[in-house]
Amino acid sequence: MEGMTLEEFLAGHPFAAAVFQRTCSIVAAFGPFTVRVSRSQIAFRRSRGFAYLWLPGRYLAKPDAEVVLSIALDRQVDSARFKEVVNPAPGHWMHHLEIHDLADLDDEVAAWLREAAETAN
């Protein structure tokens, strides 16, 4: 399946574009990373993906949020902030955080992103 450009992925979604920019600003403080865009998500990567932005409206009729940030950690974080936490493989936990406002990307989320980025080396 053919991929998308970042601009195509974010077209018509100004809030998602702002979330992407804010997430990039946070992650850039932790060192180098790359961005890979597919039809389904934007992946923030080092040697592997550690965070993913996706648009639930592409899959759900009535999503609760326009943007979800999924953070890959090697442990389960117990926080009511996460919409869902899944364990797709041993030692691999995906934490799904609905983003309703740029203020949701706060210091706590930055700490989770740092942990995810450091374990993705």
PDB file of N, CA and C in Angstrom:
ATOM      1  N   MET A   1       0.841  -1.177   0.000  1.00  0.00           N
ATOM      2  CA  MET A   1       0.000   0.000   0.000  1.00  0.00           C
ATOM      3  C   MET A   1       0.888   1.242   0.000  1.00  0.00           C
ATOM      4  N   GLU A   2       0.544   2.173  -0.807  1.00  0.00           N
ATOM      5  CA  GLU A   2       1.310   3.399  -0.933  1.00  0.00           C
ATOM      6  C   GLU A   2       1.137   4.263   0.313  1.00  0.00           C
ATOM      7  N   GLY A   3       2.217   4.939   0.741  1.00  0.00           N
ATOM      8  CA  GLY A   3       2.171   5.796   1.910  1.00  0.00           C
ATOM      9  C   GLY A   3       1.596   7.162   1.604  1.00  0.00           C
ATOM     10  N   MET A   4       1.647   8.017   2.576  1.00  0.00           N
ATOM     11  CA  MET A   4       1.166   9.388   2.451  1.00  0.00           C
ATOM     12  C   MET A   4       2.288  10.323   2.860  1.00  0.00           C
ATOM     13  N   THR A   5       2.186  11.552   2.406  1.00  0.00           N
ATOM     14  CA  THR A   5       3.078  12.575   2.922  1.00  0.00           C
ATOM     15  C   THR A   5       2.486  13.094   4.229  1.00  0.00           C
ATOM     16  N   LEU A   6       3.304  13.772   4.995  1.00  0.00           N
ATOM     17  CA  LEU A   6       2.830  14.384   6.231  1.00  0.00           C
ATOM     18  C   LEU A   6       1.698  15.361   5.933  1.00  0.00           C
ATOM     19  N   GLU A   7       1.874  16.153   4.886  1.00  0.00           N
ATOM     20  CA  GLU A   7       0.866  17.147   4.517  1.00  0.00           C
ATOM     21  C   GLU A   7      -0.455  16.480   4.150  1.00  0.00           C
ATOM     22  N   GLU A   8      -0.391  15.375   3.423  1.00  0.00           N
ATOM     23  CA  GLU A   8      -1.617  14.647   3.060  1.00  0.00           C
ATOM     24  C   GLU A   8      -2.298  14.073   4.303  1.00  0.00           C
ATOM     25  N   PHE A   9      -1.509  13.526   5.205  1.00  0.00           N
ATOM     26  CA  PHE A   9      -2.070  12.928   6.412  1.00  0.00           C
ATOM     27  C   PHE A   9      -2.805  13.973   7.249  1.00  0.00           C
ATOM     28  N   LEU A  10      -2.220  15.158   7.356  1.00  0.00           N
ATOM     29  CA  LEU A  10      -2.771  16.201   8.227  1.00  0.00           C
ATOM     30  C   LEU A  10      -3.763  17.127   7.531  1.00  0.00           C
ATOM     31  N   ALA A  11      -3.929  16.986   6.225  1.00  0.00           N
ATOM     32  CA  ALA A  11      -4.822  17.876   5.465  1.00  0.00           C
ATOM     33  C   ALA A  11      -6.229  17.861   6.060  1.00  0.00           C
ATOM     34  N   GLY A  12      -6.760  19.058   6.310  1.00  0.00           N
ATOM     35  CA  GLY A  12      -8.100  19.183   6.863  1.00  0.00           C
ATOM     36  C   GLY A  12      -8.187  18.935   8.354  1.00  0.00           C
ATOM     37  N   HIS A  13      -7.035  18.789   9.005  1.00  0.00           N
ATOM     38  CA  HIS A  13      -6.998  18.509  10.445  1.00  0.00           C
ATOM     39  C   HIS A  13      -6.029  19.476  11.135  1.00  0.00           C
ATOM     40  N   PRO A  14      -6.393  20.758  11.241  1.00  0.00           N
ATOM     41  CA  PRO A  14      -5.468  21.728  11.837  1.00  0.00           C
ATOM     42  C   PRO A  14      -5.104  21.412  13.287  1.00  0.00           C
ATOM     43  N   PHE A  15      -6.045  20.861  14.048  1.00  0.00           N
ATOM     44  CA  PHE A  15      -5.711  20.503  15.425  1.00  0.00           C
ATOM     45  C   PHE A  15      -4.681  19.380  15.444  1.00  0.00           C
ATOM     46  N   ALA A  16      -4.856  18.386  14.589  1.00  0.00           N
ATOM     47  CA  ALA A  16      -3.881  17.291  14.510  1.00  0.00           C
ATOM     48  C   ALA A  16      -2.508  17.821  14.111  1.00  0.00           C
ATOM     49  N   ALA A  17      -2.476  18.801  13.212  1.00  0.00           N
ATOM     50  CA  ALA A  17      -1.201  19.405  12.808  1.00  0.00           C
ATOM     51  C   ALA A  17      -0.539  20.093  13.998  1.00  0.00           C
ATOM     52  N   ALA A  18      -1.331  20.773  14.818  1.00  0.00           N
ATOM     53  CA  ALA A  18      -0.789  21.440  16.006  1.00  0.00           C
ATOM     54  C   ALA A  18      -0.278  20.411  17.015  1.00  0.00           C
ATOM     55  N   VAL A  19      -1.000  19.311  17.175  1.00  0.00           N
ATOM     56  CA  VAL A  19      -0.555  18.240  18.075  1.00  0.00           C
ATOM     57  C   VAL A  19       0.757  17.646  17.562  1.00  0.00           C
ATOM     58  N   PHE A  20       0.849  17.432  16.260  1.00  0.00           N
ATOM     59  CA  PHE A  20       2.087  16.917  15.672  1.00  0.00           C
ATOM     60  C   PHE A  20       3.254  17.862  15.972  1.00  0.00           C
ATOM     61  N   GLN A  21       3.072  19.157  15.734  1.00  0.00           N
ATOM     62  CA  GLN A  21       4.146  20.131  15.968  1.00  0.00           C
ATOM     63  C   GLN A  21       4.561  20.150  17.437  1.00  0.00           C
ATOM     64  N   ARG A  22       3.583  20.128  18.330  1.00  0.00           N
ATOM     65  CA  ARG A  22       3.887  20.148  19.763  1.00  0.00           C
ATOM     66  C   ARG A  22       4.617  18.861  20.166  1.00  0.00           C
ATOM     67  N   THR A  23       4.178  17.723  19.650  1.00  0.00           N
ATOM     68  CA  THR A  23       4.842  16.458  19.966  1.00  0.00           C
ATOM     69  C   THR A  23       6.283  16.471  19.455  1.00  0.00           C
ATOM     70  N   CYS A  24       6.490  16.987  18.256  1.00  0.00           N
ATOM     71  CA  CYS A  24       7.855  17.112  17.715  1.00  0.00           C
ATOM     72  C   CYS A  24       8.724  17.968  18.625  1.00  0.00           C
ATOM     73  N   SER A  25       8.177  19.070  19.119  1.00  0.00           N
ATOM     74  CA  SER A  25       8.938  19.959  20.007  1.00  0.00           C
ATOM     75  C   SER A  25       9.346  19.238  21.288  1.00  0.00           C
ATOM     76  N   ILE A  26       8.431  18.470  21.837  1.00  0.00           N
ATOM     77  CA  ILE A  26       8.738  17.719  23.062  1.00  0.00           C
ATOM     78  C   ILE A  26       9.819  16.682  22.784  1.00  0.00           C
ATOM     79  N   VAL A  27       9.621  15.878  21.754  1.00  0.00           N
ATOM     80  CA  VAL A  27      10.524  14.765  21.451  1.00  0.00           C
ATOM     81  C   VAL A  27      11.908  15.263  21.037  1.00  0.00           C
ATOM     82  N   ALA A  28      11.983  16.397  20.373  1.00  0.00           N
ATOM     83  CA  ALA A  28      13.272  16.940  19.922  1.00  0.00           C
ATOM     84  C   ALA A  28      14.212  17.209  21.093  1.00  0.00           C
ATOM     85  N   ALA A  29      13.663  17.469  22.264  1.00  0.00           N
ATOM     86  CA  ALA A  29      14.489  17.728  23.443  1.00  0.00           C
ATOM     87  C   ALA A  29      15.236  16.480  23.906  1.00  0.00           C
ATOM     88  N   PHE A  30      14.834  15.303  23.428  1.00  0.00           N
ATOM     89  CA  PHE A  30      15.441  14.049  23.869  1.00  0.00           C
ATOM     90  C   PHE A  30      16.500  13.539  22.907  1.00  0.00           C
ATOM     91  N   GLY A  31      16.764  14.274  21.834  1.00  0.00           N
ATOM     92  CA  GLY A  31      17.763  13.839  20.872  1.00  0.00           C
ATOM     93  C   GLY A  31      17.145  13.503  19.533  1.00  0.00           C
ATOM     94  N   PRO A  32      17.959  12.958  18.626  1.00  0.00           N
ATOM     95  CA  PRO A  32      17.494  12.713  17.259  1.00  0.00           C
ATOM     96  C   PRO A  32      16.374  11.678  17.189  1.00  0.00           C
ATOM     97  N   PHE A  33      15.505  11.896  16.229  1.00  0.00           N
ATOM     98  CA  PHE A  33      14.419  10.964  15.942  1.00  0.00           C
ATOM     99  C   PHE A  33      14.017  11.170  14.495  1.00  0.00           C
ATOM    100  N   THR A  34      13.285  10.225  13.959  1.00  0.00           N
ATOM    101  CA  THR A  34      12.743  10.368  12.612  1.00  0.00           C
ATOM    102  C   THR A  34      11.231  10.240  12.684  1.00  0.00           C
ATOM    103  N   VAL A  35      10.592  10.688  11.617  1.00  0.00           N
ATOM    104  CA  VAL A  35       9.137  10.592  11.498  1.00  0.00           C
ATOM    105  C   VAL A  35       8.839   9.762  10.262  1.00  0.00           C
ATOM    106  N   ARG A  36       7.958   8.788  10.415  1.00  0.00           N
ATOM    107  CA  ARG A  36       7.519   7.970   9.287  1.00  0.00           C
ATOM    108  C   ARG A  36       5.995   8.075   9.203  1.00  0.00           C
ATOM    109  N   VAL A  37       5.513   8.441   8.032  1.00  0.00           N
ATOM    110  CA  VAL A  37       4.073   8.622   7.826  1.00  0.00           C
ATOM    111  C   VAL A  37       3.536   7.468   6.992  1.00  0.00           C
ATOM    112  N   SER A  38       2.448   6.885   7.453  1.00  0.00           N
ATOM    113  CA  SER A  38       1.728   5.872   6.676  1.00  0.00           C
ATOM    114  C   SER A  38       0.281   6.345   6.545  1.00  0.00           C
ATOM    115  N   ARG A  39      -0.532   5.573   5.903  1.00  0.00           N
ATOM    116  CA  ARG A  39      -1.945   5.949   5.769  1.00  0.00           C
ATOM    117  C   ARG A  39      -2.658   5.951   7.114  1.00  0.00           C
ATOM    118  N   SER A  40      -2.170   5.176   8.059  1.00  0.00           N
ATOM    119  CA  SER A  40      -2.873   5.029   9.330  1.00  0.00           C
ATOM    120  C   SER A  40      -2.311   5.860  10.476  1.00  0.00           C
ATOM    121  N   GLN A  41      -1.045   6.275  10.397  1.00  0.00           N
ATOM    122  CA  GLN A  41      -0.448   6.948  11.549  1.00  0.00           C
ATOM    123  C   GLN A  41       0.825   7.690  11.178  1.00  0.00           C
ATOM    124  N   ILE A  42       1.242   8.524  12.122  1.00  0.00           N
ATOM    125  CA  ILE A  42       2.550   9.174  12.066  1.00  0.00           C
ATOM    126  C   ILE A  42       3.376   8.539  13.177  1.00  0.00           C
ATOM    127  N   ALA A  43       4.492   7.925  12.819  1.00  0.00           N
ATOM    128  CA  ALA A  43       5.339   7.250  13.799  1.00  0.00           C
ATOM    129  C   ALA A  43       6.558   8.103  14.117  1.00  0.00           C
ATOM    130  N   PHE A  44       6.847   8.236  15.401  1.00  0.00           N
ATOM    131  CA  PHE A  44       8.079   8.859  15.881  1.00  0.00           C
ATOM    132  C   PHE A  44       9.019   7.707  16.193  1.00  0.00           C
ATOM    133  N   ARG A  45      10.227   7.737  15.599  1.00  0.00           N
ATOM    134  CA  ARG A  45      11.105   6.576  15.640  1.00  0.00           C
ATOM    135  C   ARG A  45      12.537   6.930  16.041  1.00  0.00           C
ATOM    136  N   ARG A  46      13.186   5.973  16.618  1.00  0.00           N
ATOM    137  CA  ARG A  46      14.635   5.906  16.726  1.00  0.00           C
ATOM    138  C   ARG A  46      15.006   4.608  16.026  1.00  0.00           C
ATOM    139  N   SER A  47      15.564   3.622  16.732  1.00  0.00           N
ATOM    140  CA  SER A  47      15.796   2.338  16.066  1.00  0.00           C
ATOM    141  C   SER A  47      14.476   1.602  15.845  1.00  0.00           C
ATOM    142  N   ARG A  48      13.457   1.993  16.587  1.00  0.00           N
ATOM    143  CA  ARG A  48      12.091   1.487  16.394  1.00  0.00           C
ATOM    144  C   ARG A  48      11.113   2.587  16.801  1.00  0.00           C
ATOM    145  N   GLY A  49       9.854   2.365  16.496  1.00  0.00           N
ATOM    146  CA  GLY A  49       8.839   3.347  16.844  1.00  0.00           C
ATOM    147  C   GLY A  49       8.623   3.417  18.347  1.00  0.00           C
ATOM    148  N   PHE A  50       8.392   4.623  18.845  1.00  0.00           N
ATOM    149  CA  PHE A  50       8.126   4.777  20.276  1.00  0.00           C
ATOM    150  C   PHE A  50       6.876   5.598  20.563  1.00  0.00           C
ATOM    151  N   ALA A  51       6.354   6.311  19.579  1.00  0.00           N
ATOM    152  CA  ALA A  51       5.115   7.074  19.755  1.00  0.00           C
ATOM    153  C   ALA A  51       4.445   7.206  18.393  1.00  0.00           C
ATOM    154  N   TYR A  52       3.126   7.252  18.425  1.00  0.00           N
ATOM    155  CA  TYR A  52       2.347   7.259  17.183  1.00  0.00           C
ATOM    156  C   TYR A  52       1.158   8.195  17.337  1.00  0.00           C
ATOM    157  N   LEU A  53       0.951   9.045  16.353  1.00  0.00           N
ATOM    158  CA  LEU A  53      -0.250   9.881  16.295  1.00  0.00           C
ATOM    159  C   LEU A  53      -1.178   9.291  15.253  1.00  0.00           C
ATOM    160  N   TRP A  54      -2.446   9.202  15.573  1.00  0.00           N
ATOM    161  CA  TRP A  54      -3.417   8.708  14.603  1.00  0.00           C
ATOM    162  C   TRP A  54      -4.749   9.401  14.822  1.00  0.00           C
ATOM    163  N   LEU A  55      -5.595   9.320  13.808  1.00  0.00           N
ATOM    164  CA  LEU A  55      -6.871  10.032  13.780  1.00  0.00           C
ATOM    165  C   LEU A  55      -8.009   9.020  13.869  1.00  0.00           C
ATOM    166  N   PRO A  56      -8.621   8.865  15.033  1.00  0.00           N
ATOM    167  CA  PRO A  56      -9.661   7.854  15.194  1.00  0.00           C
ATOM    168  C   PRO A  56     -10.865   8.055  14.274  1.00  0.00           C
ATOM    169  N   GLY A  57     -11.110   9.275  13.832  1.00  0.00           N
ATOM    170  CA  GLY A  57     -12.229   9.536  12.934  1.00  0.00           C
ATOM    171  C   GLY A  57     -12.120   8.811  11.604  1.00  0.00           C
ATOM    172  N   ARG A  58     -10.934   8.350  11.275  1.00  0.00           N
ATOM    173  CA  ARG A  58     -10.758   7.561  10.051  1.00  0.00           C
ATOM    174  C   ARG A  58     -11.267   6.131  10.217  1.00  0.00           C
ATOM    175  N   TYR A  59     -11.498   5.725  11.469  1.00  0.00           N
ATOM    176  CA  TYR A  59     -11.872   4.343  11.751  1.00  0.00           C
ATOM    177  C   TYR A  59     -13.183   4.208  12.515  1.00  0.00           C
ATOM    178  N   LEU A  60     -13.562   5.248  13.246  1.00  0.00           N
ATOM    179  CA  LEU A  60     -14.748   5.201  14.094  1.00  0.00           C
ATOM    180  C   LEU A  60     -15.764   6.237  13.639  1.00  0.00           C
ATOM    181  N   ALA A  61     -17.038   5.895  13.730  1.00  0.00           N
ATOM    182  CA  ALA A  61     -18.095   6.823  13.307  1.00  0.00           C
ATOM    183  C   ALA A  61     -18.179   8.035  14.233  1.00  0.00           C
ATOM    184  N   LYS A  62     -18.039   7.813  15.535  1.00  0.00           N
ATOM    185  CA  LYS A  62     -18.154   8.905  16.507  1.00  0.00           C
ATOM    186  C   LYS A  62     -17.002   8.832  17.506  1.00  0.00           C
ATOM    187  N   PRO A  63     -15.819   9.247  17.097  1.00  0.00           N
ATOM    188  CA  PRO A  63     -14.677   9.165  18.015  1.00  0.00           C
ATOM    189  C   PRO A  63     -14.820  10.161  19.165  1.00  0.00           C
ATOM    190  N   ASP A  64     -14.195   9.824  20.288  1.00  0.00           N
ATOM    191  CA  ASP A  64     -14.211  10.708  21.451  1.00  0.00           C
ATOM    192  C   ASP A  64     -13.183  11.827  21.343  1.00  0.00           C
ATOM    193  N   ALA A  65     -12.209  11.674  20.457  1.00  0.00           N
ATOM    194  CA  ALA A  65     -11.162  12.684  20.276  1.00  0.00           C
ATOM    195  C   ALA A  65     -10.737  12.698  18.815  1.00  0.00           C
ATOM    196  N   GLU A  66     -10.249  13.849  18.354  1.00  0.00           N
ATOM    197  CA  GLU A  66      -9.766  13.945  16.971  1.00  0.00           C
ATOM    198  C   GLU A  66      -8.425  13.251  16.795  1.00  0.00           C
ATOM    199  N   VAL A  67      -7.604  13.285  17.858  1.00  0.00           N
ATOM    200  CA  VAL A  67      -6.240  12.762  17.775  1.00  0.00           C
ATOM    201  C   VAL A  67      -5.965  11.852  18.972  1.00  0.00           C
ATOM    202  N   VAL A  68      -5.269  10.752  18.713  1.00  0.00           N
ATOM    203  CA  VAL A  68      -4.789   9.869  19.777  1.00  0.00           C
ATOM    204  C   VAL A  68      -3.271   9.787  19.654  1.00  0.00           C
ATOM    205  N   LEU A  69      -2.597   9.899  20.795  1.00  0.00           N
ATOM    206  CA  LEU A  69      -1.157   9.684  20.880  1.00  0.00           C
ATOM    207  C   LEU A  69      -0.955   8.341  21.564  1.00  0.00           C
ATOM    208  N   SER A  70      -0.340   7.407  20.867  1.00  0.00           N
ATOM    209  CA  SER A  70      -0.045   6.088  21.429  1.00  0.00           C
ATOM    210  C   SER A  70       1.437   6.042  21.762  1.00  0.00           C
ATOM    211  N   ILE A  71       1.731   5.680  23.006  1.00  0.00           N
ATOM    212  CA  ILE A  71       3.103   5.682  23.507  1.00  0.00           C
ATOM    213  C   ILE A  71       3.501   4.244  23.838  1.00  0.00           C
ATOM    214  N   ALA A  72       4.610   3.791  23.263  1.00  0.00           N
ATOM    215  CA  ALA A  72       5.104   2.425  23.471  1.00  0.00           C
ATOM    216  C   ALA A  72       6.109   2.413  24.621  1.00  0.00           C
ATOM    217  N   LEU A  73       5.772   1.695  25.675  1.00  0.00           N
ATOM    218  CA  LEU A  73       6.656   1.573  26.829  1.00  0.00           C
ATOM    219  C   LEU A  73       6.905   0.100  27.122  1.00  0.00           C
ATOM    220  N   ASP A  74       7.971  -0.176  27.881  1.00  0.00           N
ATOM    221  CA  ASP A  74       8.266  -1.563  28.223  1.00  0.00           C
ATOM    222  C   ASP A  74       7.616  -1.975  29.537  1.00  0.00           C
ATOM    223  N   ARG A  75       6.728  -1.134  30.030  1.00  0.00           N
ATOM    224  CA  ARG A  75       5.989  -1.420  31.260  1.00  0.00           C
ATOM    225  C   ARG A  75       4.597  -0.809  31.143  1.00  0.00           C
ATOM    226  N   GLN A  76       3.705  -1.275  31.982  1.00  0.00           N
ATOM    227  CA  GLN A  76       2.360  -0.710  32.015  1.00  0.00           C
ATOM    228  C   GLN A  76       2.338   0.473  32.968  1.00  0.00           C
ATOM    229  N   VAL A  77       1.827   1.594  32.507  1.00  0.00           N
ATOM    230  CA  VAL A  77       1.654   2.773  33.347  1.00  0.00           C
ATOM    231  C   VAL A  77       0.186   2.821  33.759  1.00  0.00           C
ATOM    232  N   ASP A  78      -0.044   2.890  35.051  1.00  0.00           N
ATOM    233  CA  ASP A  78      -1.405   2.949  35.574  1.00  0.00           C
ATOM    234  C   ASP A  78      -1.799   4.415  35.736  1.00  0.00           C
ATOM    235  N   SER A  79      -2.520   4.932  34.752  1.00  0.00           N
ATOM    236  CA  SER A  79      -2.978   6.323  34.794  1.00  0.00           C
ATOM    237  C   SER A  79      -4.368   6.404  34.182  1.00  0.00           C
ATOM    238  N   ALA A  80      -5.247   7.109  34.851  1.00  0.00           N
ATOM    239  CA  ALA A  80      -6.606   7.310  34.334  1.00  0.00           C
ATOM    240  C   ALA A  80      -6.608   8.145  33.063  1.00  0.00           C
ATOM    241  N   ARG A  81      -5.493   8.769  32.741  1.00  0.00           N
ATOM    242  CA  ARG A  81      -5.417   9.595  31.531  1.00  0.00           C
ATOM    243  C   ARG A  81      -5.485   8.756  30.259  1.00  0.00           C
ATOM    244  N   PHE A  82      -5.096   7.505  30.333  1.00  0.00           N
ATOM    245  CA  PHE A  82      -5.085   6.667  29.138  1.00  0.00           C
ATOM    246  C   PHE A  82      -6.473   6.114  28.850  1.00  0.00           C
ATOM    247  N   LYS A  83      -6.886   6.230  27.603  1.00  0.00           N
ATOM    248  CA  LYS A  83      -8.162   5.660  27.156  1.00  0.00           C
ATOM    249  C   LYS A  83      -8.087   4.137  27.201  1.00  0.00           C
ATOM    250  N   GLU A  84      -6.921   3.605  26.810  1.00  0.00           N
ATOM    251  CA  GLU A  84      -6.735   2.155  26.765  1.00  0.00           C
ATOM    252  C   GLU A  84      -5.245   1.855  26.861  1.00  0.00           C
ATOM    253  N   VAL A  85      -4.921   0.748  27.516  1.00  0.00           N
ATOM    254  CA  VAL A  85      -3.551   0.239  27.571  1.00  0.00           C
ATOM    255  C   VAL A  85      -3.618  -1.223  27.152  1.00  0.00           C
ATOM    256  N   VAL A  86      -2.807  -1.586  26.163  1.00  0.00           N
ATOM    257  CA  VAL A  86      -2.800  -2.969  25.677  1.00  0.00           C
ATOM    258  C   VAL A  86      -1.378  -3.524  25.710  1.00  0.00           C
ATOM    259  N   ASN A  87      -1.290  -4.840  25.830  1.00  0.00           N
ATOM    260  CA  ASN A  87      -0.017  -5.550  25.921  1.00  0.00           C
ATOM    261  C   ASN A  87       0.086  -6.512  24.738  1.00  0.00           C
ATOM    262  N   PRO A  88       0.490  -5.996  23.548  1.00  0.00           N
ATOM    263  CA  PRO A  88       0.494  -6.833  22.351  1.00  0.00           C
ATOM    264  C   PRO A  88       1.596  -7.889  22.326  1.00  0.00           C
ATOM    265  N   ALA A  89       2.624  -7.715  23.150  1.00  0.00           N
ATOM    266  CA  ALA A  89       3.731  -8.673  23.204  1.00  0.00           C
ATOM    267  C   ALA A  89       4.399  -8.542  24.571  1.00  0.00           C
ATOM    268  N   PRO A  90       5.060  -9.593  25.038  1.00  0.00           N
ATOM    269  CA  PRO A  90       5.740  -9.501  26.330  1.00  0.00           C
ATOM    270  C   PRO A  90       6.702  -8.310  26.370  1.00  0.00           C
ATOM    271  N   GLY A  91       6.609  -7.536  27.441  1.00  0.00           N
ATOM    272  CA  GLY A  91       7.493  -6.391  27.609  1.00  0.00           C
ATOM    273  C   GLY A  91       7.185  -5.215  26.703  1.00  0.00           C
ATOM    274  N   HIS A  92       6.006  -5.207  26.102  1.00  0.00           N
ATOM    275  CA  HIS A  92       5.638  -4.129  25.172  1.00  0.00           C
ATOM    276  C   HIS A  92       4.209  -3.692  25.487  1.00  0.00           C
ATOM    277  N   TRP A  93       4.068  -2.464  25.957  1.00  0.00           N
ATOM    278  CA  TRP A  93       2.764  -1.919  26.331  1.00  0.00           C
ATOM    279  C   TRP A  93       2.473  -0.686  25.493  1.00  0.00           C
ATOM    280  N   MET A  94       1.296  -0.658  24.901  1.00  0.00           N
ATOM    281  CA  MET A  94       0.850   0.519  24.140  1.00  0.00           C
ATOM    282  C   MET A  94      -0.168   1.274  24.981  1.00  0.00           C
ATOM    283  N   HIS A  95       0.115   2.546  25.204  1.00  0.00           N
ATOM    284  CA  HIS A  95      -0.723   3.422  26.021  1.00  0.00           C
ATOM    285  C   HIS A  95      -1.380   4.445  25.103  1.00  0.00           C
ATOM    286  N   HIS A  96      -2.698   4.414  25.012  1.00  0.00           N
ATOM    287  CA  HIS A  96      -3.441   5.271  24.085  1.00  0.00           C
ATOM    288  C   HIS A  96      -4.034   6.463  24.839  1.00  0.00           C
ATOM    289  N   LEU A  97      -3.580   7.645  24.469  1.00  0.00           N
ATOM    290  CA  LEU A  97      -3.976   8.886  25.130  1.00  0.00           C
ATOM    291  C   LEU A  97      -4.758   9.757  24.153  1.00  0.00           C
ATOM    292  N   GLU A  98      -6.015  10.040  24.475  1.00  0.00           N
ATOM    293  CA  GLU A  98      -6.799  10.948  23.641  1.00  0.00           C
ATOM    294  C   GLU A  98      -6.328  12.377  23.899  1.00  0.00           C
ATOM    295  N   ILE A  99      -6.122  13.116  22.824  1.00  0.00           N
ATOM    296  CA  ILE A  99      -5.687  14.510  22.929  1.00  0.00           C
ATOM    297  C   ILE A  99      -6.873  15.401  22.571  1.00  0.00           C
ATOM    298  N   HIS A 100      -7.327  16.179  23.556  1.00  0.00           N
ATOM    299  CA  HIS A 100      -8.465  17.083  23.354  1.00  0.00           C
ATOM    300  C   HIS A 100      -8.020  18.538  23.269  1.00  0.00           C
ATOM    301  N   ASP A 101      -6.831  18.810  23.795  1.00  0.00           N
ATOM    302  CA  ASP A 101      -6.313  20.174  23.876  1.00  0.00           C
ATOM    303  C   ASP A 101      -4.789  20.074  23.896  1.00  0.00           C
ATOM    304  N   LEU A 102      -4.111  21.085  23.365  1.00  0.00           N
ATOM    305  CA  LEU A 102      -2.640  21.048  23.396  1.00  0.00           C
ATOM    306  C   LEU A 102      -2.106  20.974  24.822  1.00  0.00           C
ATOM    307  N   ALA A 103      -2.880  21.468  25.783  1.00  0.00           N
ATOM    308  CA  ALA A 103      -2.467  21.401  27.185  1.00  0.00           C
ATOM    309  C   ALA A 103      -2.379  19.959  27.682  1.00  0.00           C
ATOM    310  N   ASP A 104      -3.021  19.020  26.971  1.00  0.00           N
ATOM    311  CA  ASP A 104      -2.900  17.604  27.334  1.00  0.00           C
ATOM    312  C   ASP A 104      -1.468  17.105  27.161  1.00  0.00           C
ATOM    313  N   LEU A 105      -0.685  17.781  26.333  1.00  0.00           N
ATOM    314  CA  LEU A 105       0.720  17.404  26.105  1.00  0.00           C
ATOM    315  C   LEU A 105       1.588  18.120  27.139  1.00  0.00           C
ATOM    316  N   ASP A 106       1.449  17.707  28.381  1.00  0.00           N
ATOM    317  CA  ASP A 106       2.075  18.375  29.512  1.00  0.00           C
ATOM    318  C   ASP A 106       3.360  17.656  29.950  1.00  0.00           C
ATOM    319  N   ASP A 107       3.866  18.034  31.116  1.00  0.00           N
ATOM    320  CA  ASP A 107       5.119  17.458  31.614  1.00  0.00           C
ATOM    321  C   ASP A 107       5.015  15.954  31.861  1.00  0.00           C
ATOM    322  N   GLU A 108       3.858  15.492  32.309  1.00  0.00           N
ATOM    323  CA  GLU A 108       3.687  14.059  32.545  1.00  0.00           C
ATOM    324  C   GLU A 108       3.793  13.284  31.229  1.00  0.00           C
ATOM    325  N   VAL A 109       3.129  13.781  30.190  1.00  0.00           N
ATOM    326  CA  VAL A 109       3.203  13.138  28.875  1.00  0.00           C
ATOM    327  C   VAL A 109       4.628  13.222  28.336  1.00  0.00           C
ATOM    328  N   ALA A 110       5.282  14.355  28.536  1.00  0.00           N
ATOM    329  CA  ALA A 110       6.675  14.501  28.089  1.00  0.00           C
ATOM    330  C   ALA A 110       7.570  13.460  28.763  1.00  0.00           C
ATOM    331  N   ALA A 111       7.334  13.183  30.035  1.00  0.00           N
ATOM    332  CA  ALA A 111       8.137  12.175  30.740  1.00  0.00           C
ATOM    333  C   ALA A 111       7.898  10.784  30.148  1.00  0.00           C
ATOM    334  N   TRP A 112       6.651  10.469  29.815  1.00  0.00           N
ATOM    335  CA  TRP A 112       6.368   9.171  29.178  1.00  0.00           C
ATOM    336  C   TRP A 112       7.024   9.094  27.805  1.00  0.00           C
ATOM    337  N   LEU A 113       6.973  10.192  27.060  1.00  0.00           N
ATOM    338  CA  LEU A 113       7.610  10.219  25.739  1.00  0.00           C
ATOM    339  C   LEU A 113       9.124  10.055  25.861  1.00  0.00           C
ATOM    340  N   ARG A 114       9.717  10.697  26.852  1.00  0.00           N
ATOM    341  CA  ARG A 114      11.167  10.550  27.077  1.00  0.00           C
ATOM    342  C   ARG A 114      11.510   9.082  27.361  1.00  0.00           C
ATOM    343  N   GLU A 115      10.759   8.474  28.258  1.00  0.00           N
ATOM    344  CA  GLU A 115      11.000   7.063  28.589  1.00  0.00           C
ATOM    345  C   GLU A 115      10.869   6.185  27.343  1.00  0.00           C
ATOM    346  N   ALA A 116       9.834   6.431  26.561  1.00  0.00           N
ATOM    347  CA  ALA A 116       9.618   5.647  25.339  1.00  0.00           C
ATOM    348  C   ALA A 116      10.765   5.846  24.351  1.00  0.00           C
ATOM    349  N   ALA A 117      11.194   7.093  24.176  1.00  0.00           N
ATOM    350  CA  ALA A 117      12.284   7.392  23.240  1.00  0.00           C
ATOM    351  C   ALA A 117      13.585   6.736  23.693  1.00  0.00           C
ATOM    352  N   GLU A 118      13.859   6.788  24.990  1.00  0.00           N
ATOM    353  CA  GLU A 118      15.100   6.204  25.499  1.00  0.00           C
ATOM    354  C   GLU A 118      15.129   4.689  25.326  1.00  0.00           C
ATOM    355  N   THR A 119      13.987   4.036  25.457  1.00  0.00           N
ATOM    356  CA  THR A 119      13.967   2.577  25.294  1.00  0.00           C
ATOM    357  C   THR A 119      13.931   2.165  23.826  1.00  0.00           C
ATOM    358  N   ALA A 120      13.726   3.123  22.930  1.00  0.00           N
ATOM    359  CA  ALA A 120      13.677   2.814  21.488  1.00  0.00           C
ATOM    360  C   ALA A 120      15.038   2.932  20.825  1.00  0.00           C
ATOM    361  N   ASN A 121      16.089   3.184  21.584  1.00  0.00           N
ATOM    362  CA  ASN A 121      17.438   3.294  21.008  1.00  0.00           C
ATOM    363  C   ASN A 121      17.974   1.951  20.591  1.00  0.00           C
TER     364      ASN A 121
END
